[in-house]
Protein backbone atom coordinates (compact mmCIF):
# COMPACT_ATOMS: atom_id res chain seq x y z
CA MET A 1 73.87 -18.34 4.01
CA ARG A 2 76.32 -17.96 6.91
CA ALA A 3 73.89 -15.64 8.72
CA LEU A 4 71.12 -18.23 8.37
CA ALA A 5 73.40 -20.92 9.82
CA VAL A 6 74.21 -18.69 12.82
CA VAL A 7 70.50 -17.99 13.44
CA MET A 8 69.60 -21.70 13.17
CA ALA A 9 72.42 -22.69 15.55
CA SER A 10 71.28 -20.04 18.05
CA LEU A 11 67.70 -21.31 17.95
CA PHE A 12 68.86 -24.90 18.39
CA LEU A 13 71.13 -24.09 21.33
CA THR A 14 68.54 -21.98 23.16
CA SER A 15 65.57 -24.27 22.59
CA PRO A 16 63.97 -25.25 25.93
CA SER A 17 63.74 -28.86 24.78
CA ILE A 18 67.52 -28.88 24.33
CA LEU A 19 68.40 -26.93 27.46
CA PHE A 20 66.14 -28.94 29.75
CA ALA A 21 66.70 -32.37 28.23
CA GLN A 22 69.67 -33.37 30.39
CA ASP A 23 68.31 -35.56 33.18
CA ALA A 24 70.63 -35.74 36.20
CA MET A 25 69.60 -39.36 36.76
CA GLN A 26 71.38 -40.39 33.54
CA TYR A 27 74.74 -40.10 35.33
CA GLY A 28 74.03 -42.61 38.09
CA VAL A 29 75.60 -40.40 40.76
CA LYS A 30 75.40 -41.99 44.22
CA HIS A 31 74.12 -38.82 45.92
CA LEU A 32 70.89 -38.49 43.92
CA ARG A 33 68.02 -40.97 43.88
CA VAL A 34 64.36 -41.02 42.89
CA LEU A 35 61.99 -41.43 45.85
CA ALA A 36 58.74 -41.27 43.85
CA GLU A 37 57.59 -40.33 40.37
CA ASP A 38 54.42 -40.07 38.34
CA ASP A 39 53.35 -38.11 35.27
CA LYS A 40 53.14 -34.81 37.23
CA VAL A 41 56.07 -34.80 39.69
CA ARG A 42 59.35 -36.49 40.52
CA VAL A 43 60.71 -36.50 44.07
CA LEU A 44 64.50 -36.74 44.43
CA LYS A 45 66.71 -37.18 47.50
CA TYR A 46 69.97 -35.22 47.20
CA THR A 47 72.65 -36.32 49.70
CA PRO A 48 76.12 -35.29 48.48
CA MET A 49 79.20 -35.33 50.65
CA ALA A 50 81.66 -32.44 50.36
CA GLY A 51 83.42 -32.76 46.99
CA ASP A 52 80.66 -34.74 45.24
CA LYS A 53 79.82 -33.35 41.79
CA THR A 54 76.87 -33.64 39.44
CA PRO A 55 77.66 -33.05 35.72
CA ILE A 56 75.65 -30.57 33.64
CA HIS A 57 71.95 -31.38 33.95
CA SER A 58 68.54 -29.73 33.98
CA HIS A 59 65.61 -29.39 36.34
CA PRO A 60 62.10 -28.17 35.53
CA ALA A 61 60.47 -25.88 38.12
CA THR A 62 61.41 -27.41 41.48
CA VAL A 63 60.56 -27.16 45.17
CA VAL A 64 63.62 -27.77 47.37
CA TYR A 65 63.35 -28.64 51.06
CA VAL A 66 66.72 -28.52 52.86
CA ILE A 67 67.13 -31.19 55.55
CA LYS A 68 70.82 -30.50 56.24
CA GLY A 69 72.20 -27.18 55.04
CA GLY A 70 75.57 -26.28 53.64
CA ARG A 71 77.32 -24.72 50.68
CA SER A 72 77.26 -25.71 47.01
CA ARG A 73 79.09 -24.38 43.96
CA ILE A 74 76.83 -23.95 40.93
CA THR A 75 78.12 -23.59 37.34
CA LEU A 76 75.78 -22.42 34.56
CA PRO A 77 76.18 -23.39 30.88
CA ASP A 78 77.69 -19.96 30.09
CA GLY A 79 80.48 -20.60 32.64
CA THR A 80 79.07 -18.37 35.38
CA VAL A 81 80.01 -19.80 38.79
CA ARG A 82 78.40 -18.92 42.11
CA GLU A 83 78.22 -20.35 45.59
CA ALA A 84 74.87 -21.04 47.21
CA GLU A 85 74.25 -21.37 50.94
CA LEU A 86 71.39 -23.75 51.73
CA LYS A 87 69.99 -23.34 55.23
CA THR A 88 68.59 -26.25 57.25
CA GLY A 89 64.80 -26.17 57.24
CA GLU A 90 64.37 -23.71 54.38
CA THR A 91 62.08 -24.36 51.43
CA LEU A 92 62.95 -22.85 48.04
CA LEU A 93 60.87 -22.43 44.89
CA ARG A 94 63.26 -22.70 41.94
CA PRO A 95 62.58 -21.90 38.27
CA PRO A 96 63.78 -24.30 35.56
CA VAL A 97 67.58 -24.42 35.36
CA THR A 98 70.47 -26.12 33.60
CA HIS A 99 73.65 -26.32 35.68
CA SER A 100 76.35 -28.50 37.20
CA ASP A 101 77.05 -28.52 40.92
CA GLU A 102 79.65 -29.43 43.50
CA ALA A 103 78.88 -29.85 47.20
CA LEU A 104 81.29 -27.81 49.33
CA ASP A 105 79.79 -29.28 52.51
CA ASP A 106 77.79 -32.42 53.27
CA LEU A 107 74.18 -31.65 52.28
CA GLU A 108 70.77 -33.29 52.38
CA ALA A 109 67.67 -32.07 50.54
CA VAL A 110 64.47 -33.27 48.93
CA LEU A 111 63.67 -31.91 45.47
CA VAL A 112 60.17 -32.04 44.01
CA GLU A 113 60.38 -31.46 40.26
CA ILE A 114 57.16 -30.22 38.65
CA LYS A 115 56.60 -31.85 35.24
CA LYS A 116 54.62 -30.07 32.56
């Protein structure tokens, strides 16, 4: 019975609907706002100042266009932490992700989330 409970908990915790259900907009952070949205995409403006944080949240597949580059600290659900350097003018294609982040520099980017 204990083994079954462990398997069921593992399935629940790794289910995509659970991992990608945390919408960043639920937190009302001042550095993230919706520019446009329909049933296929959502366009977000991300403008954190150094030190601004976004709690754990998820994105589907996303296109990121960096308007003003800088550094960000990313933390994954397993506790892995890494720093990312975003370069002004670059465009990134990102797979779905669940993470929290902290801006280490002032940043500005547009995110286009692809809904399924």
